[in-house]
PDB file of N, CA and C in Angstrom:
ATOM      1  N   MET A   1     257.731-124.680  61.334  1.00  0.00           N
ATOM      2  CA  MET A   1     257.236-123.319  61.447  1.00  0.00           C
ATOM      3  C   MET A   1     256.491-122.963  60.157  1.00  0.00           C
ATOM      4  N   PRO A   2     255.236-122.559  60.236  1.00  0.00           N
ATOM      5  CA  PRO A   2     254.467-122.207  59.042  1.00  0.00           C
ATOM      6  C   PRO A   2     255.011-120.938  58.392  1.00  0.00           C
ATOM      7  N   PRO A   3     254.873-120.833  57.081  1.00  0.00           N
ATOM      8  CA  PRO A   3     255.369-119.641  56.404  1.00  0.00           C
ATOM      9  C   PRO A   3     254.554-118.409  56.770  1.00  0.00           C
ATOM     10  N   THR A   4     255.227-117.282  56.807  1.00  0.00           N
ATOM     11  CA  THR A   4     254.524-116.032  57.066  1.00  0.00           C
ATOM     12  C   THR A   4     253.767-115.626  55.812  1.00  0.00           C
ATOM     13  N   SER A   5     252.892-114.667  55.960  1.00  0.00           N
ATOM     14  CA  SER A   5     252.114-114.239  54.797  1.00  0.00           C
ATOM     15  C   SER A   5     253.012-113.644  53.719  1.00  0.00           C
ATOM     16  N   ASN A   6     254.102-112.985  54.115  1.00  0.00           N
ATOM     17  CA  ASN A   6     255.029-112.424  53.128  1.00  0.00           C
ATOM     18  C   ASN A   6     255.714-113.534  52.338  1.00  0.00           C
ATOM     19  N   GLU A   7     256.136-114.614  53.014  1.00  0.00           N
ATOM     20  CA  GLU A   7     256.791-115.728  52.332  1.00  0.00           C
ATOM     21  C   GLU A   7     255.823-116.387  51.349  1.00  0.00           C
ATOM     22  N   THR A   8     254.588-116.572  51.757  1.00  0.00           N
ATOM     23  CA  THR A   8     253.580-117.183  50.899  1.00  0.00           C
ATOM     24  C   THR A   8     253.314-116.305  49.685  1.00  0.00           C
ATOM     25  N   GLN A   9     253.227-114.996  49.900  1.00  0.00           N
ATOM     26  CA  GLN A   9     252.972-114.065  48.799  1.00  0.00           C
ATOM     27  C   GLN A   9     254.109-114.111  47.786  1.00  0.00           C
ATOM     28  N   VAL A  10     255.358-114.197  48.221  1.00  0.00           N
ATOM     29  CA  VAL A  10     256.511-114.264  47.323  1.00  0.00           C
ATOM     30  C   VAL A  10     256.442-115.540  46.496  1.00  0.00           C
ATOM     31  N   GLU A  11     256.102-116.673  47.128  1.00  0.00           N
ATOM     32  CA  GLU A  11     256.001-117.934  46.401  1.00  0.00           C
ATOM     33  C   GLU A  11     254.912-117.864  45.331  1.00  0.00           C
ATOM     34  N   VAL A  12     253.781-117.264  45.660  1.00  0.00           N
ATOM     35  CA  VAL A  12     252.683-117.147  44.705  1.00  0.00           C
ATOM     36  C   VAL A  12     253.088-116.238  43.555  1.00  0.00           C
ATOM     37  N   GLU A  13     253.755-115.131  43.845  1.00  0.00           N
ATOM     38  CA  GLU A  13     254.180-114.212  42.799  1.00  0.00           C
ATOM     39  C   GLU A  13     255.181-114.871  41.860  1.00  0.00           C
ATOM     40  N   GLU A  14     256.048-115.741  42.386  1.00  0.00           N
ATOM     41  CA  GLU A  14     257.013-116.437  41.551  1.00  0.00           C
ATOM     42  C   GLU A  14     256.325-117.453  40.633  1.00  0.00           C
ATOM     43  N   GLN A  15     255.156-117.935  41.027  1.00  0.00           N
ATOM     44  CA  GLN A  15     254.445-118.930  40.243  1.00  0.00           C
ATOM     45  C   GLN A  15     253.574-118.315  39.148  1.00  0.00           C
ATOM     46  N   VAL A  16     253.262-117.044  39.246  1.00  0.00           N
ATOM     47  CA  VAL A  16     252.393-116.393  38.278  1.00  0.00           C
ATOM     48  C   VAL A  16     253.118-116.294  36.938  1.00  0.00           C
ATOM     49  N   VAL A  17     252.416-116.699  35.882  1.00  0.00           N
ATOM     50  CA  VAL A  17     252.974-116.621  34.537  1.00  0.00           C
ATOM     51  C   VAL A  17     252.205-115.544  33.785  1.00  0.00           C
ATOM     52  N   THR A  18     252.921-114.544  33.349  1.00  0.00           N
ATOM     53  CA  THR A  18     252.280-113.439  32.642  1.00  0.00           C
ATOM     54  C   THR A  18     252.125-113.769  31.165  1.00  0.00           C
ATOM     55  N   ARG A  19     251.374-112.948  30.471  1.00  0.00           N
ATOM     56  CA  ARG A  19     251.205-113.108  29.028  1.00  0.00           C
ATOM     57  C   ARG A  19     252.558-113.015  28.324  1.00  0.00           C
ATOM     58  N   ALA A  20     253.396-112.111  28.769  1.00  0.00           N
ATOM     59  CA  ALA A  20     254.728-111.955  28.174  1.00  0.00           C
ATOM     60  C   ALA A  20     255.572-113.212  28.399  1.00  0.00           C
ATOM     61  N   ASP A  21     255.452-113.809  29.598  1.00  0.00           N
ATOM     62  CA  ASP A  21     256.176-115.054  29.883  1.00  0.00           C
ATOM     63  C   ASP A  21     255.708-116.177  28.968  1.00  0.00           C
ATOM     64  N   ARG A  22     254.400-116.275  28.782  1.00  0.00           N
ATOM     65  CA  ARG A  22     253.863-117.321  27.908  1.00  0.00           C
ATOM     66  C   ARG A  22     254.333-117.116  26.475  1.00  0.00           C
ATOM     67  N   GLN A  23     254.312-115.874  26.009  1.00  0.00           N
ATOM     68  CA  GLN A  23     254.739-115.593  24.639  1.00  0.00           C
ATOM     69  C   GLN A  23     256.216-115.939  24.454  1.00  0.00           C
ATOM     70  N   LYS A  24     257.027-115.608  25.442  1.00  0.00           N
ATOM     71  CA  LYS A  24     258.458-115.935  25.394  1.00  0.00           C
ATOM     72  C   LYS A  24     258.644-117.450  25.324  1.00  0.00           C
ATOM     73  N   CYS A  25     257.858-118.171  26.091  1.00  0.00           N
ATOM     74  CA  CYS A  25     257.916-119.630  26.097  1.00  0.00           C
ATOM     75  C   CYS A  25     257.512-120.187  24.744  1.00  0.00           C
ATOM     76  N   TRP A  26     256.398-119.700  24.205  1.00  0.00           N
ATOM     77  CA  TRP A  26     255.913-120.202  22.915  1.00  0.00           C
ATOM     78  C   TRP A  26     256.910-119.900  21.797  1.00  0.00           C
ATOM     79  N   ASP A  27     257.533-118.727  21.851  1.00  0.00           N
ATOM     80  CA  ASP A  27     258.536-118.378  20.840  1.00  0.00           C
ATOM     81  C   ASP A  27     259.741-119.326  20.928  1.00  0.00           C
ATOM     82  N   ALA A  28     260.162-119.627  22.152  1.00  0.00           N
ATOM     83  CA  ALA A  28     261.284-120.559  22.348  1.00  0.00           C
ATOM     84  C   ALA A  28     260.901-121.953  21.855  1.00  0.00           C
ATOM     85  N   ARG A  29     259.669-122.373  22.126  1.00  0.00           N
ATOM     86  CA  ARG A  29     259.184-123.666  21.634  1.00  0.00           C
ATOM     87  C   ARG A  29     259.216-123.712  20.107  1.00  0.00           C
ATOM     88  N   ASP A  30     258.733-122.656  19.486  1.00  0.00           N
ATOM     89  CA  ASP A  30     258.691-122.606  18.026  1.00  0.00           C
ATOM     90  C   ASP A  30     260.097-122.669  17.429  1.00  0.00           C
ATOM     91  N   ARG A  31     261.057-121.973  18.046  1.00  0.00           N
ATOM     92  CA  ARG A  31     262.442-122.018  17.552  1.00  0.00           C
ATOM     93  C   ARG A  31     263.037-123.418  17.720  1.00  0.00           C
ATOM     94  N   PHE A  32     262.755-124.060  18.852  1.00  0.00           N
ATOM     95  CA  PHE A  32     263.274-125.408  19.096  1.00  0.00           C
ATOM     96  C   PHE A  32     262.680-126.396  18.100  1.00  0.00           C
ATOM     97  N   PHE A  33     261.368-126.329  17.903  1.00  0.00           N
ATOM     98  CA  PHE A  33     260.729-127.247  16.961  1.00  0.00           C
ATOM     99  C   PHE A  33     261.167-126.977  15.522  1.00  0.00           C
ATOM    100  N   ALA A  34     261.425-125.712  15.183  1.00  0.00           N
ATOM    101  CA  ALA A  34     261.924-125.392  13.839  1.00  0.00           C
ATOM    102  C   ALA A  34     263.310-126.008  13.637  1.00  0.00           C
ATOM    103  N   CYS A  35     264.116-125.992  14.664  1.00  0.00           N
ATOM    104  CA  CYS A  35     265.440-126.620  14.584  1.00  0.00           C
ATOM    105  C   CYS A  35     265.306-128.128  14.412  1.00  0.00           C
ATOM    106  N   LEU A  36     264.406-128.735  15.165  1.00  0.00           N
ATOM    107  CA  LEU A  36     264.189-130.178  15.033  1.00  0.00           C
ATOM    108  C   LEU A  36     263.722-130.512  13.618  1.00  0.00           C
ATOM    109  N   LYS A  37     262.807-129.715  13.090  1.00  0.00           N
ATOM    110  CA  LYS A  37     262.287-129.960  11.747  1.00  0.00           C
ATOM    111  C   LYS A  37     263.388-129.789  10.706  1.00  0.00           C
ATOM    112  N   LYS A  38     264.167-128.738  10.844  1.00  0.00           N
ATOM    113  CA  LYS A  38     265.258-128.463   9.908  1.00  0.00           C
ATOM    114  C   LYS A  38     266.253-129.622   9.862  1.00  0.00           C
ATOM    115  N   ASN A  39     266.471-130.257  11.005  1.00  0.00           N
ATOM    116  CA  ASN A  39     267.428-131.353  11.097  1.00  0.00           C
ATOM    117  C   ASN A  39     266.761-132.724  11.018  1.00  0.00           C
ATOM    118  N   ASN A  40     265.465-132.741  10.661  1.00  0.00           N
ATOM    119  CA  ASN A  40     264.704-133.975  10.470  1.00  0.00           C
ATOM    120  C   ASN A  40     264.747-134.882  11.702  1.00  0.00           C
ATOM    121  N   ILE A  41     264.531-134.293  12.868  1.00  0.00           N
ATOM    122  CA  ILE A  41     264.503-135.037  14.130  1.00  0.00           C
ATOM    123  C   ILE A  41     263.049-135.110  14.570  1.00  0.00           C
ATOM    124  N   GLN A  42     262.485-136.320  14.578  1.00  0.00           N
ATOM    125  CA  GLN A  42     261.074-136.453  14.944  1.00  0.00           C
ATOM    126  C   GLN A  42     260.896-136.732  16.428  1.00  0.00           C
ATOM    127  N   SER A  43     261.669-137.649  16.972  1.00  0.00           N
ATOM    128  CA  SER A  43     261.534-138.018  18.374  1.00  0.00           C
ATOM    129  C   SER A  43     262.810-137.636  19.104  1.00  0.00           C
ATOM    130  N   ILE A  44     262.660-137.206  20.323  1.00  0.00           N
ATOM    131  CA  ILE A  44     263.867-136.905  21.099  1.00  0.00           C
ATOM    132  C   ILE A  44     263.969-137.807  22.331  1.00  0.00           C
ATOM    133  N   ARG A  45     263.227-138.891  22.308  1.00  0.00           N
ATOM    134  CA  ARG A  45     263.206-139.795  23.459  1.00  0.00           C
ATOM    135  C   ARG A  45     264.350-140.800  23.455  1.00  0.00           C
ATOM    136  N   ASN A  46     264.806-141.239  22.275  1.00  0.00           N
ATOM    137  CA  ASN A  46     265.854-142.260  22.268  1.00  0.00           C
ATOM    138  C   ASN A  46     267.234-141.615  22.289  1.00  0.00           C
ATOM    139  N   SER A  47     268.250-142.392  22.646  1.00  0.00           N
ATOM    140  CA  SER A  47     269.588-141.849  22.844  1.00  0.00           C
ATOM    141  C   SER A  47     270.202-141.324  21.547  1.00  0.00           C
ATOM    142  N   GLU A  48     269.909-141.967  20.426  1.00  0.00           N
ATOM    143  CA  GLU A  48     270.445-141.501  19.149  1.00  0.00           C
ATOM    144  C   GLU A  48     269.902-140.105  18.809  1.00  0.00           C
ATOM    145  N   SER A  49     268.614-139.921  18.989  1.00  0.00           N
ATOM    146  CA  SER A  49     267.996-138.624  18.730  1.00  0.00           C
ATOM    147  C   SER A  49     268.475-137.574  19.721  1.00  0.00           C
ATOM    148  N   GLN A  50     268.651-137.969  20.964  1.00  0.00           N
ATOM    149  CA  GLN A  50     269.127-137.024  21.968  1.00  0.00           C
ATOM    150  C   GLN A  50     270.513-136.499  21.616  1.00  0.00           C
ATOM    151  N   LYS A  51     271.346-137.358  21.038  1.00  0.00           N
ATOM    152  CA  LYS A  51     272.670-136.918  20.619  1.00  0.00           C
ATOM    153  C   LYS A  51     272.542-135.902  19.487  1.00  0.00           C
ATOM    154  N   LEU A  52     271.658-136.173  18.525  1.00  0.00           N
ATOM    155  CA  LEU A  52     271.431-135.222  17.433  1.00  0.00           C
ATOM    156  C   LEU A  52     270.928-133.882  17.969  1.00  0.00           C
ATOM    157  N   VAL A  53     270.014-133.943  18.913  1.00  0.00           N
ATOM    158  CA  VAL A  53     269.471-132.720  19.495  1.00  0.00           C
ATOM    159  C   VAL A  53     270.583-131.933  20.185  1.00  0.00           C
ATOM    160  N   SER A  54     271.419-132.624  20.948  1.00  0.00           N
ATOM    161  CA  SER A  54     272.492-131.909  21.645  1.00  0.00           C
ATOM    162  C   SER A  54     273.531-131.367  20.675  1.00  0.00           C
ATOM    163  N   ASP A  55     273.711-132.020  19.523  1.00  0.00           N
ATOM    164  CA  ASP A  55     274.654-131.525  18.515  1.00  0.00           C
ATOM    165  C   ASP A  55     274.074-130.373  17.705  1.00  0.00           C
ATOM    166  N   LYS A  56     272.822-130.488  17.303  1.00  0.00           N
ATOM    167  CA  LYS A  56     272.236-129.552  16.338  1.00  0.00           C
ATOM    168  C   LYS A  56     271.366-128.455  16.968  1.00  0.00           C
ATOM    169  N   CYS A  57     270.688-128.772  18.069  1.00  0.00           N
ATOM    170  CA  CYS A  57     269.687-127.840  18.604  1.00  0.00           C
ATOM    171  C   CYS A  57     269.897-127.531  20.085  1.00  0.00           C
ATOM    172  N   ALA A  58     271.126-127.612  20.543  1.00  0.00           N
ATOM    173  CA  ALA A  58     271.400-127.419  21.969  1.00  0.00           C
ATOM    174  C   ALA A  58     270.994-126.022  22.444  1.00  0.00           C
ATOM    175  N   ASP A  59     271.336-125.005  21.666  1.00  0.00           N
ATOM    176  CA  ASP A  59     271.005-123.636  22.083  1.00  0.00           C
ATOM    177  C   ASP A  59     269.501-123.423  22.172  1.00  0.00           C
ATOM    178  N   ALA A  60     268.782-123.902  21.160  1.00  0.00           N
ATOM    179  CA  ALA A  60     267.322-123.746  21.163  1.00  0.00           C
ATOM    180  C   ALA A  60     266.694-124.540  22.308  1.00  0.00           C
ATOM    181  N   GLY A  61     267.254-125.727  22.595  1.00  0.00           N
ATOM    182  CA  GLY A  61     266.747-126.533  23.694  1.00  0.00           C
ATOM    183  C   GLY A  61     266.967-125.875  25.042  1.00  0.00           C
ATOM    184  N   GLU A  62     268.135-125.275  25.218  1.00  0.00           N
ATOM    185  CA  GLU A  62     268.421-124.574  26.473  1.00  0.00           C
ATOM    186  C   GLU A  62     267.514-123.359  26.637  1.00  0.00           C
ATOM    187  N   GLU A  63     267.289-122.647  25.534  1.00  0.00           N
ATOM    188  CA  GLU A  63     266.395-121.491  25.580  1.00  0.00           C
ATOM    189  C   GLU A  63     264.988-121.928  25.973  1.00  0.00           C
ATOM    190  N   LEU A  64     264.539-123.057  25.431  1.00  0.00           N
ATOM    191  CA  LEU A  64     263.221-123.580  25.782  1.00  0.00           C
ATOM    192  C   LEU A  64     263.153-123.895  27.266  1.00  0.00           C
ATOM    193  N   LYS A  65     264.166-124.551  27.795  1.00  0.00           N
ATOM    194  CA  LYS A  65     264.168-124.919  29.213  1.00  0.00           C
ATOM    195  C   LYS A  65     264.221-123.694  30.120  1.00  0.00           C
ATOM    196  N   LYS A  66     264.911-122.645  29.666  1.00  0.00           N
ATOM    197  CA  LYS A  66     264.989-121.424  30.477  1.00  0.00           C
ATOM    198  C   LYS A  66     263.710-120.604  30.398  1.00  0.00           C
ATOM    199  N   SER A  67     263.037-120.660  29.262  1.00  0.00           N
ATOM    200  CA  SER A  67     261.866-119.809  29.040  1.00  0.00           C
ATOM    201  C   SER A  67     260.566-120.417  29.532  1.00  0.00           C
ATOM    202  N   CYS A  68     260.523-121.743  29.689  1.00  0.00           N
ATOM    203  CA  CYS A  68     259.269-122.426  30.029  1.00  0.00           C
ATOM    204  C   CYS A  68     259.426-123.265  31.290  1.00  0.00           C
ATOM    205  N   ARG A  69     258.317-123.459  31.944  1.00  0.00           N
ATOM    206  CA  ARG A  69     258.296-124.403  33.061  1.00  0.00           C
ATOM    207  C   ARG A  69     258.535-125.805  32.524  1.00  0.00           C
ATOM    208  N   GLN A  70     259.107-126.667  33.336  1.00  0.00           N
ATOM    209  CA  GLN A  70     259.416-128.028  32.895  1.00  0.00           C
ATOM    210  C   GLN A  70     258.162-128.789  32.483  1.00  0.00           C
ATOM    211  N   THR A  71     257.063-128.564  33.186  1.00  0.00           N
ATOM    212  CA  THR A  71     255.820-129.251  32.818  1.00  0.00           C
ATOM    213  C   THR A  71     255.359-128.833  31.424  1.00  0.00           C
ATOM    214  N   TRP A  72     255.588-127.581  31.056  1.00  0.00           N
ATOM    215  CA  TRP A  72     255.223-127.107  29.724  1.00  0.00           C
ATOM    216  C   TRP A  72     256.113-127.747  28.675  1.00  0.00           C
ATOM    217  N   VAL A  73     257.414-127.809  28.961  1.00  0.00           N
ATOM    218  CA  VAL A  73     258.362-128.427  28.030  1.00  0.00           C
ATOM    219  C   VAL A  73     257.955-129.876  27.779  1.00  0.00           C
ATOM    220  N   ASP A  74     257.682-130.601  28.853  1.00  0.00           N
ATOM    221  CA  ASP A  74     257.260-131.998  28.723  1.00  0.00           C
ATOM    222  C   ASP A  74     255.991-132.112  27.881  1.00  0.00           C
ATOM    223  N   HIS A  75     255.040-131.228  28.129  1.00  0.00           N
ATOM    224  CA  HIS A  75     253.775-131.238  27.390  1.00  0.00           C
ATOM    225  C   HIS A  75     254.015-130.973  25.901  1.00  0.00           C
ATOM    226  N   PHE A  76     254.804-129.955  25.586  1.00  0.00           N
ATOM    227  CA  PHE A  76     255.064-129.616  24.185  1.00  0.00           C
ATOM    228  C   PHE A  76     255.709-130.777  23.445  1.00  0.00           C
ATOM    229  N   ILE A  77     256.682-131.401  24.073  1.00  0.00           N
ATOM    230  CA  ILE A  77     257.403-132.504  23.426  1.00  0.00           C
ATOM    231  C   ILE A  77     256.490-133.708  23.246  1.00  0.00           C
ATOM    232  N   LEU A  78     255.740-134.047  24.284  1.00  0.00           N
ATOM    233  CA  LEU A  78     254.820-135.181  24.187  1.00  0.00           C
ATOM    234  C   LEU A  78     253.773-134.932  23.108  1.00  0.00           C
ATOM    235  N   ARG A  79     253.232-133.729  23.075  1.00  0.00           N
ATOM    236  CA  ARG A  79     252.210-133.398  22.071  1.00  0.00           C
ATOM    237  C   ARG A  79     252.787-133.498  20.658  1.00  0.00           C
ATOM    238  N   ARG A  80     254.000-133.011  20.450  1.00  0.00           N
ATOM    239  CA  ARG A  80     254.634-133.077  19.129  1.00  0.00           C
ATOM    240  C   ARG A  80     254.823-134.525  18.704  1.00  0.00           C
ATOM    241  N   GLU A  81     255.303-135.351  19.614  1.00  0.00           N
ATOM    242  CA  GLU A  81     255.533-136.750  19.279  1.00  0.00           C
ATOM    243  C   GLU A  81     254.223-137.486  19.018  1.00  0.00           C
ATOM    244  N   LYS A  82     253.179-137.156  19.757  1.00  0.00           N
ATOM    245  CA  LYS A  82     251.868-137.767  19.507  1.00  0.00           C
ATOM    246  C   LYS A  82     251.331-137.362  18.138  1.00  0.00           C
ATOM    247  N   GLU A  83     251.580-136.124  17.729  1.00  0.00           N
ATOM    248  CA  GLU A  83     251.141-135.676  16.404  1.00  0.00           C
ATOM    249  C   GLU A  83     251.845-136.474  15.306  1.00  0.00           C
ATOM    250  N   PHE A  84     253.140-136.760  15.488  1.00  0.00           N
ATOM    251  CA  PHE A  84     253.863-137.581  14.518  1.00  0.00           C
ATOM    252  C   PHE A  84     253.305-139.002  14.486  1.00  0.00           C
ATOM    253  N   GLU A  85     253.017-139.555  15.666  1.00  0.00           N
ATOM    254  CA  GLU A  85     252.465-140.906  15.734  1.00  0.00           C
ATOM    255  C   GLU A  85     251.097-140.961  15.048  1.00  0.00           C
ATOM    256  N   THR A  86     250.259-139.955  15.275  1.00  0.00           N
ATOM    257  CA  THR A  86     248.939-139.918  14.659  1.00  0.00           C
ATOM    258  C   THR A  86     249.053-139.817  13.144  1.00  0.00           C
ATOM    259  N   ALA A  87     249.960-138.968  12.667  1.00  0.00           N
ATOM    260  CA  ALA A  87     250.148-138.817  11.219  1.00  0.00           C
ATOM    261  C   ALA A  87     250.627-140.128  10.602  1.00  0.00           C
ATOM    262  N   ALA A  88     251.538-140.822  11.275  1.00  0.00           N
ATOM    263  CA  ALA A  88     252.031-142.108  10.766  1.00  0.00           C
ATOM    264  C   ALA A  88     250.904-143.141  10.739  1.00  0.00           C
ATOM    265  N   TYR A  89     250.073-143.148  11.762  1.00  0.00           N
ATOM    266  CA  TYR A  89     248.946-144.074  11.818  1.00  0.00           C
ATOM    267  C   TYR A  89     247.971-143.809  10.666  1.00  0.00           C
ATOM    268  N   LYS A  90     247.670-142.533  10.442  1.00  0.00           N
ATOM    269  CA  LYS A  90     246.750-142.178   9.355  1.00  0.00           C
ATOM    270  C   LYS A  90     247.326-142.585   7.999  1.00  0.00           C
ATOM    271  N   ARG A  91     248.641-142.406   7.824  1.00  0.00           N
ATOM    272  CA  ARG A  91     249.281-142.826   6.573  1.00  0.00           C
ATOM    273  C   ARG A  91     249.153-144.326   6.367  1.00  0.00           C
ATOM    274  N   ARG A  92     249.422-145.090   7.435  1.00  0.00           N
ATOM    275  CA  ARG A  92     249.310-146.550   7.345  1.00  0.00           C
ATOM    276  C   ARG A  92     247.887-146.974   7.020  1.00  0.00           C
ATOM    277  N   MET A  93     246.925-146.357   7.675  1.00  0.00           N
ATOM    278  CA  MET A  93     245.526-146.703   7.417  1.00  0.00           C
ATOM    279  C   MET A  93     245.141-146.371   5.979  1.00  0.00           C
ATOM    280  N   SER A  94     245.601-145.262   5.484  1.00  0.00           N
ATOM    281  CA  SER A  94     245.310-144.863   4.115  1.00  0.00           C
ATOM    282  C   SER A  94     245.936-145.843   3.125  1.00  0.00           C
ATOM    283  N   GLU A  95     247.167-146.235   3.392  1.00  0.00           N
ATOM    284  CA  GLU A  95     247.845-147.205   2.520  1.00  0.00           C
ATOM    285  C   GLU A  95     247.118-148.546   2.530  1.00  0.00           C
ATOM    286  N   MET A  96     246.680-148.983   3.709  1.00  0.00           N
ATOM    287  CA  MET A  96     245.958-150.242   3.810  1.00  0.00           C
ATOM    288  C   MET A  96     244.638-150.169   3.045  1.00  0.00           C
ATOM    289  N   ALA A  97     243.963-149.026   3.153  1.00  0.00           N
ATOM    290  CA  ALA A  97     242.692-148.864   2.453  1.00  0.00           C
ATOM    291  C   ALA A  97     242.903-148.901   0.948  1.00  0.00           C
ATOM    292  N   MET A  98     243.971-148.278   0.473  1.00  0.00           N
ATOM    293  CA  MET A  98     244.259-148.279  -0.960  1.00  0.00           C
ATOM    294  C   MET A  98     244.593-149.688  -1.447  1.00  0.00           C
ATOM    295  N   GLU A  99     245.287-150.460  -0.627  1.00  0.00           N
ATOM    296  CA  GLU A  99     245.613-151.841  -0.980  1.00  0.00           C
ATOM    297  C   GLU A  99     244.353-152.697  -1.057  1.00  0.00           C
ATOM    298  N   ASP A 100     243.394-152.402  -0.201  1.00  0.00           N
ATOM    299  CA  ASP A 100     242.141-153.162  -0.177  1.00  0.00           C
ATOM    300  C   ASP A 100     241.162-152.685  -1.242  1.00  0.00           C
ATOM    301  N   GLY A 101     241.524-151.659  -2.001  1.00  0.00           N
ATOM    302  CA  GLY A 101     240.670-151.175  -3.062  1.00  0.00           C
ATOM    303  C   GLY A 101     239.640-150.152  -2.636  1.00  0.00           C
ATOM    304  N   GLN A 102     239.702-149.691  -1.412  1.00  0.00           N
ATOM    305  CA  GLN A 102     238.773-148.657  -0.974  1.00  0.00           C
ATOM    306  C   GLN A 102     239.237-147.322  -1.540  1.00  0.00           C
ATOM    307  N   SER A 103     238.290-146.450  -1.802  1.00  0.00           N
ATOM    308  CA  SER A 103     238.640-145.163  -2.399  1.00  0.00           C
ATOM    309  C   SER A 103     239.257-144.204  -1.384  1.00  0.00           C
ATOM    310  N   GLN A 104     238.956-144.397  -0.112  1.00  0.00           N
ATOM    311  CA  GLN A 104     239.546-143.532   0.899  1.00  0.00           C
ATOM    312  C   GLN A 104     239.692-144.300   2.200  1.00  0.00           C
ATOM    313  N   ALA A 105     240.555-143.795   3.042  1.00  0.00           N
ATOM    314  CA  ALA A 105     240.794-144.425   4.336  1.00  0.00           C
ATOM    315  C   ALA A 105     239.598-144.209   5.247  1.00  0.00           C
ATOM    316  N   PRO A 106     239.401-145.111   6.196  1.00  0.00           N
ATOM    317  CA  PRO A 106     238.309-144.900   7.142  1.00  0.00           C
ATOM    318  C   PRO A 106     238.557-143.638   7.957  1.00  0.00           C
ATOM    319  N   THR A 107     237.472-142.975   8.326  1.00  0.00           N
ATOM    320  CA  THR A 107     237.632-141.762   9.113  1.00  0.00           C
ATOM    321  C   THR A 107     237.986-142.109  10.541  1.00  0.00           C
ATOM    322  N   ILE A 108     238.771-141.274  11.144  1.00  0.00           N
ATOM    323  CA  ILE A 108     239.176-141.470  12.518  1.00  0.00           C
ATOM    324  C   ILE A 108     238.456-140.430  13.346  1.00  0.00           C
ATOM    325  N   ARG A 109     237.662-140.890  14.273  1.00  0.00           N
ATOM    326  CA  ARG A 109     236.882-139.968  15.097  1.00  0.00           C
ATOM    327  C   ARG A 109     237.703-139.507  16.282  1.00  0.00           C
ATOM    328  N   ARG A 110     237.552-138.245  16.585  1.00  0.00           N
ATOM    329  CA  ARG A 110     238.198-137.681  17.774  1.00  0.00           C
ATOM    330  C   ARG A 110     237.197-137.708  18.921  1.00  0.00           C
ATOM    331  N   ARG A 111     237.724-137.888  20.084  1.00  0.00           N
ATOM    332  CA  ARG A 111     236.861-137.888  21.257  1.00  0.00           C
ATOM    333  C   ARG A 111     236.553-136.501  21.697  1.00  0.00           C
TER     334      ARG A 111
END
Protein backbone atom coordinates (compact mmCIF):
# COMPACT_ATOMS: atom_id res chain seq x y z
CA MET A 1 0.00 0.00 0.00
CA PRO A 2 1.57 3.34 -1.02
CA PRO A 3 1.99 5.98 1.67
CA THR A 4 -0.60 8.69 1.93
CA SER A 5 0.40 12.28 1.39
CA ASN A 6 0.26 12.89 5.16
CA GLU A 7 2.66 9.98 5.84
CA THR A 8 5.07 11.25 3.18
CA GLN A 9 4.92 14.79 4.57
CA VAL A 10 5.76 13.54 8.10
CA GLU A 11 8.76 11.59 6.77
CA VAL A 12 10.04 14.65 4.89
CA GLU A 13 9.58 16.89 7.93
CA GLU A 14 11.55 14.43 10.07
CA GLN A 15 14.41 14.56 7.55
CA VAL A 16 14.68 18.36 7.45
CA VAL A 17 17.69 19.66 9.36
CA THR A 18 17.35 23.20 10.61
CA ARG A 19 20.14 25.69 11.24
CA ALA A 20 19.68 25.12 14.98
CA ASP A 21 20.02 21.35 14.47
CA ARG A 22 23.23 21.82 12.50
CA GLN A 23 24.65 24.16 15.14
CA LYS A 24 23.80 21.66 17.89
CA CYS A 25 25.54 18.95 15.88
CA TRP A 26 28.64 21.05 15.24
CA ASP A 27 28.85 22.01 18.93
CA ALA A 28 28.64 18.33 19.92
CA ARG A 29 31.33 17.50 17.35
CA ASP A 30 33.60 20.21 18.73
CA ARG A 31 33.15 18.94 22.31
CA PHE A 32 33.88 15.35 21.24
CA PHE A 33 36.98 16.33 19.29
CA ALA A 34 38.18 18.53 22.19
CA CYS A 35 37.89 15.50 24.46
CA LEU A 36 39.84 13.36 22.00
CA LYS A 37 42.53 16.03 21.76
CA LYS A 38 42.71 16.46 25.53
CA ASN A 39 43.25 12.72 25.92
CA ASN A 40 45.66 12.51 22.95
CA ILE A 41 43.44 10.13 20.96
CA GLN A 42 44.08 10.47 17.23
CA SER A 43 42.27 7.50 15.72
CA ILE A 44 39.16 5.83 17.01
CA ARG A 45 39.12 2.97 14.52
CA ASN A 46 41.22 0.41 16.40
CA SER A 47 40.05 -1.47 19.49
CA GLU A 48 42.65 0.08 21.81
CA SER A 49 41.55 3.60 20.88
CA GLN A 50 37.89 2.65 21.10
CA LYS A 51 38.45 1.56 24.69
CA LEU A 52 40.09 4.91 25.48
CA VAL A 53 37.20 6.74 23.85
CA SER A 54 34.64 4.77 25.85
CA ASP A 55 36.60 5.42 29.06
CA LYS A 56 37.43 9.10 28.55
CA CYS A 57 34.93 10.56 26.06
CA ALA A 58 31.81 8.41 26.33
CA ASP A 59 29.49 11.28 27.25
CA ALA A 60 30.74 13.51 24.44
CA GLY A 61 30.50 10.61 21.99
CA GLU A 62 26.92 9.86 22.98
CA GLU A 63 26.02 13.53 22.67
CA LEU A 64 27.51 13.55 19.17
CA LYS A 65 25.50 10.49 18.15
CA LYS A 66 22.29 11.99 19.55
CA SER A 67 22.84 15.42 18.01
CA CYS A 68 23.96 14.39 14.51
CA ARG A 69 22.89 12.04 11.80
CA GLN A 70 25.06 8.94 11.58
CA THR A 71 26.31 9.92 8.13
CA TRP A 72 27.53 13.23 9.59
CA VAL A 73 29.27 11.48 12.48
CA ASP A 74 31.01 9.14 10.04
CA HIS A 75 32.04 12.09 7.86
CA PHE A 76 33.43 14.11 10.79
CA ILE A 77 35.47 11.19 12.09
CA LEU A 78 36.81 10.23 8.67
CA ARG A 79 37.73 13.84 7.90
CA ARG A 80 39.55 14.22 11.24
CA GLU A 81 41.54 11.04 10.69
CA LYS A 82 42.43 12.07 7.13
CA GLU A 83 43.70 15.41 8.46
CA PHE A 84 46.00 13.54 10.87
CA GLU A 85 47.22 11.28 8.06
CA THR A 86 47.91 14.30 5.82
CA ALA A 87 49.80 16.09 8.60
CA ALA A 88 51.91 12.97 9.25
CA TYR A 89 52.65 12.64 5.53
CA LYS A 90 53.72 16.28 5.29
CA ARG A 91 55.99 15.83 8.33
CA ARG A 92 57.62 12.77 6.77
CA MET A 93 58.13 14.56 3.47
CA SER A 94 59.65 17.55 5.23
CA GLU A 95 62.00 15.32 7.22
CA MET A 96 63.05 13.49 4.06
CA ALA A 97 63.70 16.78 2.29
CA MET A 98 65.84 18.01 5.18
CA GLU A 99 67.84 14.76 5.12
CA ASP A 100 68.43 15.20 1.39
CA GLY A 101 69.69 18.74 1.96
CA GLN A 102 66.76 20.54 0.38
CA SER A 103 65.80 23.80 2.03
CA GLN A 104 62.10 22.96 2.05
CA ALA A 105 59.78 20.06 1.45
CA PRO A 106 58.16 19.66 -1.95
CA THR A 107 54.80 21.34 -2.23
CA ILE A 108 51.75 19.16 -2.17
CA ARG A 109 49.10 20.20 -4.63
CA ARG A 110 45.44 19.92 -3.79
CA ARG A 111 42.99 18.81 -6.38
